Amino acid sequence: MRKLSLFSAIMLTACVTINIYFPAAAAEKAADEIIQDIQKNTPQQTEPKPKASLPDWQVSMYQLIDSAINMVVPPAQADQANLAIDSAEIRQLRAAMAGRFASLQPLYTLGYIGIQADGLLAVRDIDDIALKDRNQVNKLVAAENADRQSLYHAIANANGHPEWAAQIKSSFAGRWVSNAQPGWWYQSSGSWKQK
């Protein structure tokens, strides 16, 4: 009976369902590439996190179990998740956003605009902006937000999954803040904070 339950446990863990899932890590990588290109920043270097080490006996045990499972059911082969970010529409949107960035950068620096929690821009306090410039600032923010929304849909469509647009937007939201320059404002937990 004991052998039967061990065999059953191995068979249960060997059942593999391959789903088409949203590649969140690839979306964040793509977001960083696009944002840094728009802002003409050099890529940020992140230090790898140290891996927790296991005792040798546990490593050996896991390797033995893995080998046993692989003998019964061959491992599923999957390509590393990747997101297509090159299409005519995406290139056009990136170019428009890069061209607009020169006008937005001083507004970020002065604190007139900030990045909302959803990754879109907002005018933080319209009263701080000179009356003659308010209309232009509002137009820049509206144009940028429209292009960001279009970009998320274009990426989703380029990957054959239009239903991913909301998840791509969510991935970009955090990356806009991470790629923000010191002194820029962003929204967190409903309040504005300065990076």
N, C-alpha and C. Protein backbone atom coordinates (compact mmCIF):
# COMPACT_ATOMS: atom_id res chain seq x y z
N MET A 1 0.83 -1.20 0.00
CA MET A 1 0.00 0.00 0.00
C MET A 1 0.87 1.26 0.00
N ARG A 2 1.97 1.19 0.74
CA ARG A 2 2.86 2.34 0.83
C ARG A 2 3.45 2.67 -0.54
N LYS A 3 3.82 1.63 -1.30
CA LYS A 3 4.37 1.85 -2.64
C LYS A 3 3.31 2.46 -3.55
N LEU A 4 2.10 2.00 -3.39
CA LEU A 4 1.01 2.53 -4.21
C LEU A 4 0.79 4.01 -3.92
N SER A 5 0.82 4.42 -2.65
CA SER A 5 0.58 5.83 -2.33
C SER A 5 1.74 6.70 -2.79
N LEU A 6 2.98 6.19 -2.74
CA LEU A 6 4.12 6.94 -3.24
C LEU A 6 3.98 7.11 -4.75
N PHE A 7 3.61 6.02 -5.45
CA PHE A 7 3.40 6.09 -6.89
C PHE A 7 2.29 7.08 -7.22
N SER A 8 1.21 7.05 -6.45
CA SER A 8 0.09 7.97 -6.68
C SER A 8 0.53 9.41 -6.49
N ALA A 9 1.34 9.65 -5.46
CA ALA A 9 1.82 11.02 -5.20
C ALA A 9 2.69 11.51 -6.35
N ILE A 10 3.55 10.63 -6.86
CA ILE A 10 4.40 11.01 -7.98
C ILE A 10 3.55 11.31 -9.21
N MET A 11 2.56 10.49 -9.48
CA MET A 11 1.70 10.70 -10.65
C MET A 11 0.90 11.99 -10.53
N LEU A 12 0.44 12.31 -9.34
CA LEU A 12 -0.32 13.55 -9.16
C LEU A 12 0.55 14.76 -9.41
N THR A 13 1.80 14.72 -8.90
CA THR A 13 2.68 15.86 -9.11
C THR A 13 3.16 15.94 -10.55
N ALA A 14 3.08 14.84 -11.27
CA ALA A 14 3.54 14.82 -12.65
C ALA A 14 2.50 15.35 -13.63
N CYS A 15 1.27 15.45 -13.20
CA CYS A 15 0.22 15.98 -14.08
C CYS A 15 0.52 17.44 -14.35
N VAL A 16 0.70 17.77 -15.59
CA VAL A 16 1.09 19.13 -15.97
C VAL A 16 0.03 19.68 -16.89
N THR A 17 -0.44 20.85 -16.58
CA THR A 17 -1.35 21.54 -17.46
C THR A 17 -0.62 22.74 -18.01
N ILE A 18 -0.55 22.87 -19.30
CA ILE A 18 0.12 23.99 -19.90
C ILE A 18 -0.94 25.01 -20.29
N ASN A 19 -0.88 26.15 -19.65
CA ASN A 19 -1.82 27.22 -19.92
C ASN A 19 -1.10 28.36 -20.62
N ILE A 20 -1.84 29.14 -21.36
CA ILE A 20 -1.28 30.37 -21.88
C ILE A 20 -1.49 31.40 -20.78
N TYR A 21 -0.40 31.80 -20.22
CA TYR A 21 -0.46 32.71 -19.09
C TYR A 21 0.14 34.06 -19.49
N PHE A 22 -0.19 35.06 -18.73
CA PHE A 22 0.37 36.38 -18.98
C PHE A 22 1.80 36.42 -18.46
N PRO A 23 2.76 36.72 -19.31
CA PRO A 23 4.17 36.74 -18.89
C PRO A 23 4.54 38.04 -18.19
N ALA A 24 4.25 38.11 -16.90
CA ALA A 24 4.43 39.35 -16.13
C ALA A 24 5.88 39.83 -16.14
N ALA A 25 6.83 38.93 -15.95
CA ALA A 25 8.24 39.33 -15.93
C ALA A 25 8.65 39.90 -17.29
N ALA A 26 8.19 39.28 -18.36
CA ALA A 26 8.51 39.78 -19.69
C ALA A 26 7.87 41.15 -19.93
N ALA A 27 6.67 41.33 -19.38
CA ALA A 27 5.99 42.63 -19.53
C ALA A 27 6.75 43.72 -18.80
N GLU A 28 7.26 43.41 -17.62
CA GLU A 28 8.04 44.41 -16.87
C GLU A 28 9.35 44.73 -17.60
N LYS A 29 9.98 43.72 -18.16
CA LYS A 29 11.22 43.93 -18.92
C LYS A 29 10.94 44.80 -20.14
N ALA A 30 9.85 44.50 -20.85
CA ALA A 30 9.46 45.29 -22.02
C ALA A 30 9.13 46.72 -21.61
N ALA A 31 8.46 46.88 -20.48
CA ALA A 31 8.11 48.21 -20.00
C ALA A 31 9.37 49.02 -19.72
N ASP A 32 10.34 48.41 -19.04
CA ASP A 32 11.60 49.11 -18.76
C ASP A 32 12.29 49.54 -20.05
N GLU A 33 12.33 48.63 -21.02
CA GLU A 33 12.98 48.95 -22.29
C GLU A 33 12.31 50.14 -22.98
N ILE A 34 10.99 50.10 -23.03
CA ILE A 34 10.24 51.17 -23.70
C ILE A 34 10.37 52.48 -22.95
N ILE A 35 10.18 52.45 -21.63
CA ILE A 35 10.23 53.68 -20.83
C ILE A 35 11.61 54.30 -20.91
N GLN A 36 12.65 53.49 -20.77
CA GLN A 36 14.01 54.03 -20.83
C GLN A 36 14.33 54.59 -22.20
N ASP A 37 13.80 53.97 -23.25
CA ASP A 37 13.99 54.50 -24.59
C ASP A 37 13.28 55.84 -24.74
N ILE A 38 12.07 55.93 -24.23
CA ILE A 38 11.31 57.19 -24.30
C ILE A 38 12.04 58.29 -23.54
N GLN A 39 12.55 57.94 -22.36
CA GLN A 39 13.19 58.93 -21.50
C GLN A 39 14.69 59.05 -21.76
N LYS A 40 15.21 58.20 -22.64
CA LYS A 40 16.63 58.17 -22.99
C LYS A 40 17.52 58.00 -21.77
N ASN A 41 17.09 57.14 -20.84
CA ASN A 41 17.89 56.81 -19.66
C ASN A 41 18.72 55.58 -19.95
N THR A 42 19.81 55.45 -19.24
CA THR A 42 20.56 54.20 -19.32
C THR A 42 19.87 53.19 -18.44
N PRO A 43 19.90 51.91 -18.82
CA PRO A 43 19.23 50.89 -18.01
C PRO A 43 19.77 50.85 -16.58
N GLN A 44 18.85 50.69 -15.65
CA GLN A 44 19.23 50.59 -14.24
C GLN A 44 19.75 49.20 -13.97
N GLN A 45 20.85 49.14 -13.23
CA GLN A 45 21.41 47.85 -12.86
C GLN A 45 20.81 47.43 -11.52
N THR A 46 20.32 46.23 -11.47
CA THR A 46 19.79 45.71 -10.22
C THR A 46 20.67 44.56 -9.77
N GLU A 47 20.93 44.52 -8.48
CA GLU A 47 21.74 43.45 -7.95
C GLU A 47 20.89 42.20 -7.80
N PRO A 48 21.45 41.05 -8.20
CA PRO A 48 20.67 39.82 -8.03
C PRO A 48 20.49 39.50 -6.56
N LYS A 49 19.34 38.95 -6.24
CA LYS A 49 19.06 38.57 -4.86
C LYS A 49 19.80 37.28 -4.55
N PRO A 50 20.41 37.21 -3.36
CA PRO A 50 21.10 35.96 -3.02
C PRO A 50 20.09 34.83 -2.88
N LYS A 51 20.49 33.65 -3.35
CA LYS A 51 19.62 32.50 -3.27
C LYS A 51 19.83 31.81 -1.93
N ALA A 52 18.74 31.34 -1.37
CA ALA A 52 18.84 30.59 -0.13
C ALA A 52 19.46 29.23 -0.44
N SER A 53 20.40 28.84 0.36
CA SER A 53 21.04 27.55 0.10
C SER A 53 20.37 26.47 0.94
N LEU A 54 20.27 25.29 0.37
CA LEU A 54 19.67 24.15 1.04
C LEU A 54 20.79 23.20 1.46
N PRO A 55 20.55 22.46 2.50
CA PRO A 55 21.54 21.43 2.87
C PRO A 55 21.69 20.42 1.73
N ASP A 56 22.87 19.84 1.61
CA ASP A 56 23.16 18.89 0.53
C ASP A 56 22.16 17.74 0.47
N TRP A 57 21.75 17.24 1.63
CA TRP A 57 20.82 16.10 1.64
C TRP A 57 19.48 16.48 1.02
N GLN A 58 19.03 17.75 1.23
CA GLN A 58 17.75 18.16 0.64
C GLN A 58 17.89 18.33 -0.87
N VAL A 59 19.02 18.87 -1.30
CA VAL A 59 19.24 19.03 -2.73
C VAL A 59 19.24 17.66 -3.40
N SER A 60 19.94 16.71 -2.80
CA SER A 60 19.98 15.35 -3.35
C SER A 60 18.60 14.72 -3.40
N MET A 61 17.80 14.93 -2.35
CA MET A 61 16.46 14.38 -2.30
C MET A 61 15.59 14.98 -3.42
N TYR A 62 15.66 16.30 -3.60
CA TYR A 62 14.87 16.95 -4.65
C TYR A 62 15.31 16.48 -6.04
N GLN A 63 16.61 16.31 -6.24
CA GLN A 63 17.10 15.82 -7.53
C GLN A 63 16.61 14.40 -7.80
N LEU A 64 16.59 13.57 -6.76
CA LEU A 64 16.11 12.19 -6.91
C LEU A 64 14.62 12.17 -7.27
N ILE A 65 13.83 12.97 -6.59
CA ILE A 65 12.39 13.05 -6.87
C ILE A 65 12.17 13.57 -8.28
N ASP A 66 12.93 14.60 -8.66
CA ASP A 66 12.79 15.17 -10.00
C ASP A 66 13.13 14.14 -11.07
N SER A 67 14.18 13.38 -10.84
CA SER A 67 14.57 12.34 -11.81
C SER A 67 13.48 11.28 -11.93
N ALA A 68 12.91 10.89 -10.80
CA ALA A 68 11.85 9.88 -10.82
C ALA A 68 10.64 10.38 -11.58
N ILE A 69 10.26 11.60 -11.36
CA ILE A 69 9.10 12.17 -12.06
C ILE A 69 9.39 12.28 -13.55
N ASN A 70 10.61 12.71 -13.90
CA ASN A 70 10.96 12.87 -15.31
C ASN A 70 11.00 11.54 -16.05
N MET A 71 11.26 10.44 -15.33
CA MET A 71 11.25 9.14 -15.97
C MET A 71 9.82 8.72 -16.31
N VAL A 72 8.87 9.11 -15.46
CA VAL A 72 7.48 8.74 -15.68
C VAL A 72 6.83 9.68 -16.70
N VAL A 73 7.04 10.97 -16.51
CA VAL A 73 6.45 11.98 -17.40
C VAL A 73 7.56 12.92 -17.83
N PRO A 74 7.84 13.02 -19.13
CA PRO A 74 8.91 13.93 -19.57
C PRO A 74 8.53 15.37 -19.25
N PRO A 75 9.53 16.17 -18.89
CA PRO A 75 9.23 17.55 -18.54
C PRO A 75 8.70 18.32 -19.76
N ALA A 76 7.82 19.27 -19.49
CA ALA A 76 7.29 20.11 -20.56
C ALA A 76 8.36 21.10 -20.99
N GLN A 77 8.53 21.23 -22.26
CA GLN A 77 9.51 22.16 -22.79
C GLN A 77 8.79 23.46 -23.11
N ALA A 78 9.30 24.55 -22.56
CA ALA A 78 8.68 25.85 -22.81
C ALA A 78 9.76 26.86 -23.13
N ASP A 79 9.48 27.71 -24.10
CA ASP A 79 10.40 28.79 -24.40
C ASP A 79 10.30 29.82 -23.29
N GLN A 80 11.38 30.57 -23.15
CA GLN A 80 11.34 31.65 -22.17
C GLN A 80 10.29 32.65 -22.64
N ALA A 81 9.45 33.07 -21.72
CA ALA A 81 8.38 33.99 -22.06
C ALA A 81 8.98 35.28 -22.61
N ASN A 82 8.37 35.79 -23.64
CA ASN A 82 8.84 37.01 -24.25
C ASN A 82 7.63 37.75 -24.78
N LEU A 83 7.73 39.05 -24.84
CA LEU A 83 6.63 39.86 -25.36
C LEU A 83 7.12 40.60 -26.58
N ALA A 84 6.35 40.56 -27.64
CA ALA A 84 6.68 41.31 -28.85
C ALA A 84 6.36 42.78 -28.59
N ILE A 85 7.35 43.63 -28.83
CA ILE A 85 7.12 45.07 -28.63
C ILE A 85 7.55 45.86 -29.86
N ASP A 86 7.53 45.19 -31.01
CA ASP A 86 7.94 45.86 -32.23
C ASP A 86 6.90 45.63 -33.32
N SER A 87 6.13 46.66 -33.53
CA SER A 87 5.18 46.68 -34.64
C SER A 87 5.13 48.13 -35.12
N ALA A 88 4.55 48.35 -36.26
CA ALA A 88 4.47 49.71 -36.80
C ALA A 88 3.74 50.63 -35.81
N GLU A 89 2.65 50.15 -35.26
CA GLU A 89 1.88 50.97 -34.32
C GLU A 89 2.67 51.26 -33.05
N ILE A 90 3.37 50.26 -32.52
CA ILE A 90 4.17 50.45 -31.30
C ILE A 90 5.31 51.43 -31.57
N ARG A 91 5.98 51.30 -32.71
CA ARG A 91 7.08 52.22 -33.05
C ARG A 91 6.57 53.65 -33.17
N GLN A 92 5.39 53.81 -33.77
CA GLN A 92 4.80 55.14 -33.93
C GLN A 92 4.47 55.75 -32.57
N LEU A 93 3.89 54.96 -31.68
CA LEU A 93 3.53 55.47 -30.35
C LEU A 93 4.77 55.82 -29.54
N ARG A 94 5.79 54.95 -29.60
CA ARG A 94 7.04 55.22 -28.88
C ARG A 94 7.68 56.51 -29.37
N ALA A 95 7.68 56.72 -30.68
CA ALA A 95 8.27 57.93 -31.25
C ALA A 95 7.51 59.18 -30.79
N ALA A 96 6.20 59.11 -30.78
CA ALA A 96 5.39 60.25 -30.33
C ALA A 96 5.65 60.55 -28.87
N MET A 97 5.74 59.50 -28.05
CA MET A 97 5.97 59.69 -26.62
C MET A 97 7.39 60.22 -26.35
N ALA A 98 8.36 59.72 -27.11
CA ALA A 98 9.73 60.21 -26.95
C ALA A 98 9.82 61.68 -27.35
N GLY A 99 9.13 62.06 -28.41
CA GLY A 99 9.12 63.46 -28.83
C GLY A 99 8.45 64.37 -27.81
N ARG A 100 7.44 63.87 -27.14
CA ARG A 100 6.71 64.65 -26.14
C ARG A 100 7.47 64.76 -24.82
N PHE A 101 8.36 63.82 -24.57
CA PHE A 101 9.04 63.77 -23.28
C PHE A 101 9.82 65.05 -22.98
N ALA A 102 10.40 65.67 -24.00
CA ALA A 102 11.14 66.92 -23.78
C ALA A 102 10.25 68.01 -23.20
N SER A 103 8.98 68.00 -23.55
CA SER A 103 8.03 68.97 -23.00
C SER A 103 7.53 68.56 -21.62
N LEU A 104 7.45 67.26 -21.38
CA LEU A 104 6.95 66.77 -20.09
C LEU A 104 8.01 66.83 -18.99
N GLN A 105 9.27 66.65 -19.35
CA GLN A 105 10.32 66.56 -18.33
C GLN A 105 10.36 67.77 -17.39
N PRO A 106 10.30 69.00 -17.90
CA PRO A 106 10.31 70.13 -16.95
C PRO A 106 9.06 70.15 -16.05
N LEU A 107 7.95 69.64 -16.56
CA LEU A 107 6.72 69.61 -15.76
C LEU A 107 6.84 68.59 -14.63
N TYR A 108 7.50 67.46 -14.91
CA TYR A 108 7.81 66.49 -13.86
C TYR A 108 8.72 67.14 -12.81
N THR A 109 9.78 67.78 -13.29
CA THR A 109 10.78 68.36 -12.41
C THR A 109 10.19 69.45 -11.52
N LEU A 110 9.32 70.26 -12.06
CA LEU A 110 8.69 71.33 -11.27
C LEU A 110 7.57 70.80 -10.37
N GLY A 111 7.20 69.55 -10.55
CA GLY A 111 6.15 68.96 -9.72
C GLY A 111 4.75 69.29 -10.19
N TYR A 112 4.63 69.85 -11.39
CA TYR A 112 3.31 70.20 -11.91
C TYR A 112 2.50 68.95 -12.26
N ILE A 113 3.21 67.93 -12.72
CA ILE A 113 2.53 66.68 -13.07
C ILE A 113 3.16 65.54 -12.28
N GLY A 114 2.41 64.46 -12.18
CA GLY A 114 2.92 63.28 -11.49
C GLY A 114 2.33 62.03 -12.09
N ILE A 115 2.87 60.90 -11.66
CA ILE A 115 2.44 59.60 -12.16
C ILE A 115 1.42 59.03 -11.19
N GLN A 116 0.22 58.78 -11.67
CA GLN A 116 -0.83 58.20 -10.83
C GLN A 116 -0.54 56.72 -10.58
N ALA A 117 -1.25 56.13 -9.65
CA ALA A 117 -1.06 54.72 -9.31
C ALA A 117 -1.29 53.80 -10.51
N ASP A 118 -2.13 54.21 -11.46
CA ASP A 118 -2.40 53.39 -12.64
C ASP A 118 -1.40 53.62 -13.77
N GLY A 119 -0.39 54.47 -13.51
CA GLY A 119 0.64 54.73 -14.51
C GLY A 119 0.33 55.87 -15.46
N LEU A 120 -0.86 56.42 -15.38
CA LEU A 120 -1.19 57.57 -16.21
C LEU A 120 -0.74 58.85 -15.51
N LEU A 121 -0.65 59.92 -16.28
CA LEU A 121 -0.21 61.20 -15.71
C LEU A 121 -1.40 61.99 -15.20
N ALA A 122 -1.11 62.86 -14.25
CA ALA A 122 -2.13 63.77 -13.73
C ALA A 122 -1.48 65.11 -13.43
N VAL A 123 -2.26 66.16 -13.60
CA VAL A 123 -1.82 67.48 -13.16
C VAL A 123 -2.05 67.51 -11.66
N ARG A 124 -0.99 67.75 -10.90
CA ARG A 124 -1.08 67.65 -9.44
C ARG A 124 -1.85 68.82 -8.83
N ASP A 125 -1.50 70.04 -9.22
CA ASP A 125 -2.21 71.21 -8.70
C ASP A 125 -2.22 72.27 -9.79
N ILE A 126 -3.34 72.41 -10.43
CA ILE A 126 -3.46 73.32 -11.57
C ILE A 126 -3.15 74.76 -11.16
N ASP A 127 -3.39 75.13 -9.91
CA ASP A 127 -3.15 76.50 -9.45
C ASP A 127 -1.66 76.85 -9.42
N ASP A 128 -0.78 75.85 -9.38
CA ASP A 128 0.66 76.11 -9.39
C ASP A 128 1.16 76.49 -10.78
N ILE A 129 0.37 76.20 -11.78
CA ILE A 129 0.78 76.44 -13.17
C ILE A 129 0.26 77.81 -13.61
N ALA A 130 1.14 78.57 -14.29
CA ALA A 130 0.74 79.88 -14.79
C ALA A 130 -0.50 79.74 -15.66
N LEU A 131 -1.40 80.68 -15.54
CA LEU A 131 -2.67 80.64 -16.26
C LEU A 131 -2.47 80.44 -17.76
N LYS A 132 -1.49 81.12 -18.32
CA LYS A 132 -1.25 81.03 -19.77
C LYS A 132 -0.76 79.65 -20.20
N ASP A 133 -0.21 78.85 -19.27
CA ASP A 133 0.35 77.53 -19.60
C ASP A 133 -0.59 76.36 -19.29
N ARG A 134 -1.66 76.61 -18.58
CA ARG A 134 -2.52 75.52 -18.12
C ARG A 134 -3.10 74.68 -19.26
N ASN A 135 -3.58 75.34 -20.28
CA ASN A 135 -4.19 74.62 -21.39
C ASN A 135 -3.16 73.70 -22.07
N GLN A 136 -1.95 74.22 -22.27
CA GLN A 136 -0.90 73.43 -22.91
C GLN A 136 -0.52 72.22 -22.05
N VAL A 137 -0.42 72.40 -20.72
CA VAL A 137 -0.09 71.30 -19.82
C VAL A 137 -1.18 70.23 -19.87
N ASN A 138 -2.43 70.65 -19.82
CA ASN A 138 -3.54 69.70 -19.90
C ASN A 138 -3.54 68.92 -21.21
N LYS A 139 -3.21 69.59 -22.33
CA LYS A 139 -3.15 68.92 -23.63
C LYS A 139 -2.01 67.90 -23.66
N LEU A 140 -0.85 68.27 -23.10
CA LEU A 140 0.28 67.34 -23.07
C LEU A 140 -0.05 66.09 -22.25
N VAL A 141 -0.67 66.30 -21.09
CA VAL A 141 -1.03 65.17 -20.23
C VAL A 141 -2.07 64.29 -20.92
N ALA A 142 -3.06 64.89 -21.54
CA ALA A 142 -4.10 64.11 -22.23
C ALA A 142 -3.51 63.32 -23.40
N ALA A 143 -2.62 63.94 -24.16
CA ALA A 143 -2.00 63.25 -25.29
C ALA A 143 -1.12 62.09 -24.81
N GLU A 144 -0.36 62.32 -23.75
CA GLU A 144 0.49 61.26 -23.20
C GLU A 144 -0.35 60.10 -22.69
N ASN A 145 -1.41 60.41 -21.96
CA ASN A 145 -2.28 59.35 -21.43
C ASN A 145 -2.94 58.55 -22.55
N ALA A 146 -3.38 59.23 -23.60
CA ALA A 146 -4.00 58.54 -24.73
C ALA A 146 -2.98 57.60 -25.40
N ASP A 147 -1.74 58.08 -25.55
CA ASP A 147 -0.72 57.24 -26.17
C ASP A 147 -0.34 56.07 -25.28
N ARG A 148 -0.29 56.27 -23.98
CA ARG A 148 0.02 55.16 -23.08
C ARG A 148 -1.06 54.08 -23.18
N GLN A 149 -2.32 54.49 -23.17
CA GLN A 149 -3.42 53.52 -23.30
C GLN A 149 -3.33 52.78 -24.64
N SER A 150 -3.06 53.53 -25.70
CA SER A 150 -2.94 52.91 -27.03
C SER A 150 -1.75 51.96 -27.08
N LEU A 151 -0.66 52.31 -26.42
CA LEU A 151 0.53 51.46 -26.38
C LEU A 151 0.22 50.11 -25.74
N TYR A 152 -0.51 50.13 -24.62
CA TYR A 152 -0.83 48.88 -23.93
C TYR A 152 -1.67 47.96 -24.83
N HIS A 153 -2.62 48.56 -25.52
CA HIS A 153 -3.47 47.78 -26.44
C HIS A 153 -2.66 47.28 -27.63
N ALA A 154 -1.76 48.11 -28.13
CA ALA A 154 -0.93 47.71 -29.28
C ALA A 154 -0.02 46.55 -28.92
N ILE A 155 0.55 46.57 -27.71
CA ILE A 155 1.41 45.47 -27.27
C ILE A 155 0.58 44.19 -27.13
N ALA A 156 -0.57 44.31 -26.51
CA ALA A 156 -1.45 43.14 -26.35
C ALA A 156 -1.82 42.56 -27.72
N ASN A 157 -2.18 43.42 -28.66
CA ASN A 157 -2.56 42.98 -30.00
C ASN A 157 -1.37 42.36 -30.74
N ALA A 158 -0.18 42.95 -30.58
CA ALA A 158 1.02 42.44 -31.25
C ALA A 158 1.37 41.03 -30.78
N ASN A 159 0.91 40.69 -29.58
CA ASN A 159 1.17 39.37 -29.02
C ASN A 159 0.00 38.41 -29.19
N GLY A 160 -1.03 38.86 -29.91
CA GLY A 160 -2.17 37.99 -30.19
C GLY A 160 -3.08 37.78 -29.00
N HIS A 161 -2.98 38.63 -27.99
CA HIS A 161 -3.81 38.50 -26.79
C HIS A 161 -4.37 39.87 -26.39
N PRO A 162 -5.38 40.36 -27.10
CA PRO A 162 -5.94 41.67 -26.76
C PRO A 162 -6.45 41.73 -25.32
N GLU A 163 -6.78 40.56 -24.75
CA GLU A 163 -7.28 40.53 -23.36
C GLU A 163 -6.18 40.85 -22.34
N TRP A 164 -4.93 40.92 -22.77
CA TRP A 164 -3.81 41.23 -21.86
C TRP A 164 -3.63 42.73 -21.63
N ALA A 165 -4.38 43.57 -22.31
CA ALA A 165 -4.15 45.03 -22.24
C ALA A 165 -4.16 45.55 -20.80
N ALA A 166 -5.11 45.11 -20.00
CA ALA A 166 -5.19 45.59 -18.61
C ALA A 166 -3.98 45.12 -17.80
N GLN A 167 -3.53 43.90 -18.04
CA GLN A 167 -2.37 43.39 -17.32
C GLN A 167 -1.09 44.09 -17.76
N ILE A 168 -1.01 44.42 -19.03
CA ILE A 168 0.15 45.17 -19.53
C ILE A 168 0.15 46.55 -18.90
N LYS A 169 -1.01 47.18 -18.84
CA LYS A 169 -1.11 48.50 -18.20
C LYS A 169 -0.66 48.41 -16.74
N SER A 170 -1.08 47.39 -16.05
CA SER A 170 -0.70 47.21 -14.65
C SER A 170 0.81 47.02 -14.51
N SER A 171 1.41 46.24 -15.40
CA SER A 171 2.85 46.03 -15.38
C SER A 171 3.59 47.34 -15.62
N PHE A 172 3.11 48.11 -16.58
CA PHE A 172 3.74 49.40 -16.88
C PHE A 172 3.59 50.39 -15.72
N ALA A 173 2.46 50.35 -15.02
CA ALA A 173 2.21 51.32 -13.94
C ALA A 173 3.36 51.35 -12.94
N GLY A 174 3.76 50.20 -12.46
CA GLY A 174 4.86 50.15 -11.50
C GLY A 174 6.19 50.54 -12.11
N ARG A 175 6.38 50.25 -13.40
CA ARG A 175 7.66 50.55 -14.04
C ARG A 175 7.80 52.03 -14.35
N TRP A 176 6.68 52.73 -14.59
CA TRP A 176 6.78 54.19 -14.78
C TRP A 176 7.34 54.82 -13.51
N VAL A 177 6.88 54.36 -12.36
CA VAL A 177 7.36 54.91 -11.09
C VAL A 177 8.82 54.50 -10.86
N SER A 178 9.14 53.25 -11.10
CA SER A 178 10.52 52.78 -10.90
C SER A 178 11.51 53.51 -11.78
N ASN A 179 11.09 53.89 -12.96
CA ASN A 179 11.98 54.60 -13.89
C ASN A 179 11.90 56.12 -13.76
N ALA A 180 11.10 56.60 -12.81
CA ALA A 180 10.99 58.04 -12.59
C ALA A 180 12.31 58.58 -12.04
N GLN A 181 12.61 59.80 -12.39
CA GLN A 181 13.84 60.43 -11.93
C GLN A 181 13.64 60.99 -10.53
N PRO A 182 14.73 61.14 -9.77
CA PRO A 182 14.61 61.72 -8.43
C PRO A 182 13.93 63.10 -8.49
N GLY A 183 13.02 63.32 -7.56
CA GLY A 183 12.29 64.58 -7.51
C GLY A 183 10.93 64.54 -8.17
N TRP A 184 10.69 63.53 -9.02
CA TRP A 184 9.38 63.41 -9.66
C TRP A 184 8.36 62.93 -8.65
N TRP A 185 7.09 63.27 -8.91
CA TRP A 185 6.01 62.91 -8.01
C TRP A 185 5.26 61.70 -8.55
N TYR A 186 4.79 60.88 -7.64
CA TYR A 186 4.00 59.71 -7.99
C TYR A 186 2.97 59.47 -6.89
N GLN A 187 1.92 58.77 -7.25
CA GLN A 187 0.85 58.48 -6.31
C GLN A 187 1.03 57.10 -5.70
N SER A 188 0.89 57.03 -4.39
CA SER A 188 0.97 55.75 -3.69
C SER A 188 -0.01 55.79 -2.54
N SER A 189 -0.84 54.78 -2.44
CA SER A 189 -1.87 54.69 -1.38
C SER A 189 -2.72 55.95 -1.32
N GLY A 190 -3.03 56.51 -2.48
CA GLY A 190 -3.94 57.64 -2.54
C GLY A 190 -3.31 59.00 -2.27
N SER A 191 -2.01 59.05 -1.98
CA SER A 191 -1.39 60.36 -1.73
C SER A 191 -0.15 60.52 -2.61
N TRP A 192 0.20 61.78 -2.83
CA TRP A 192 1.37 62.08 -3.67
C TRP A 192 2.63 61.99 -2.85
N LYS A 193 3.67 61.39 -3.46
CA LYS A 193 4.98 61.28 -2.83
C LYS A 193 6.03 61.69 -3.85
N GLN A 194 7.14 62.17 -3.34
CA GLN A 194 8.22 62.57 -4.22
C GLN A 194 9.31 61.51 -4.20
N LYS A 195 9.78 61.17 -5.37
CA LYS A 195 10.82 60.14 -5.45
C LYS A 195 12.16 60.70 -5.02
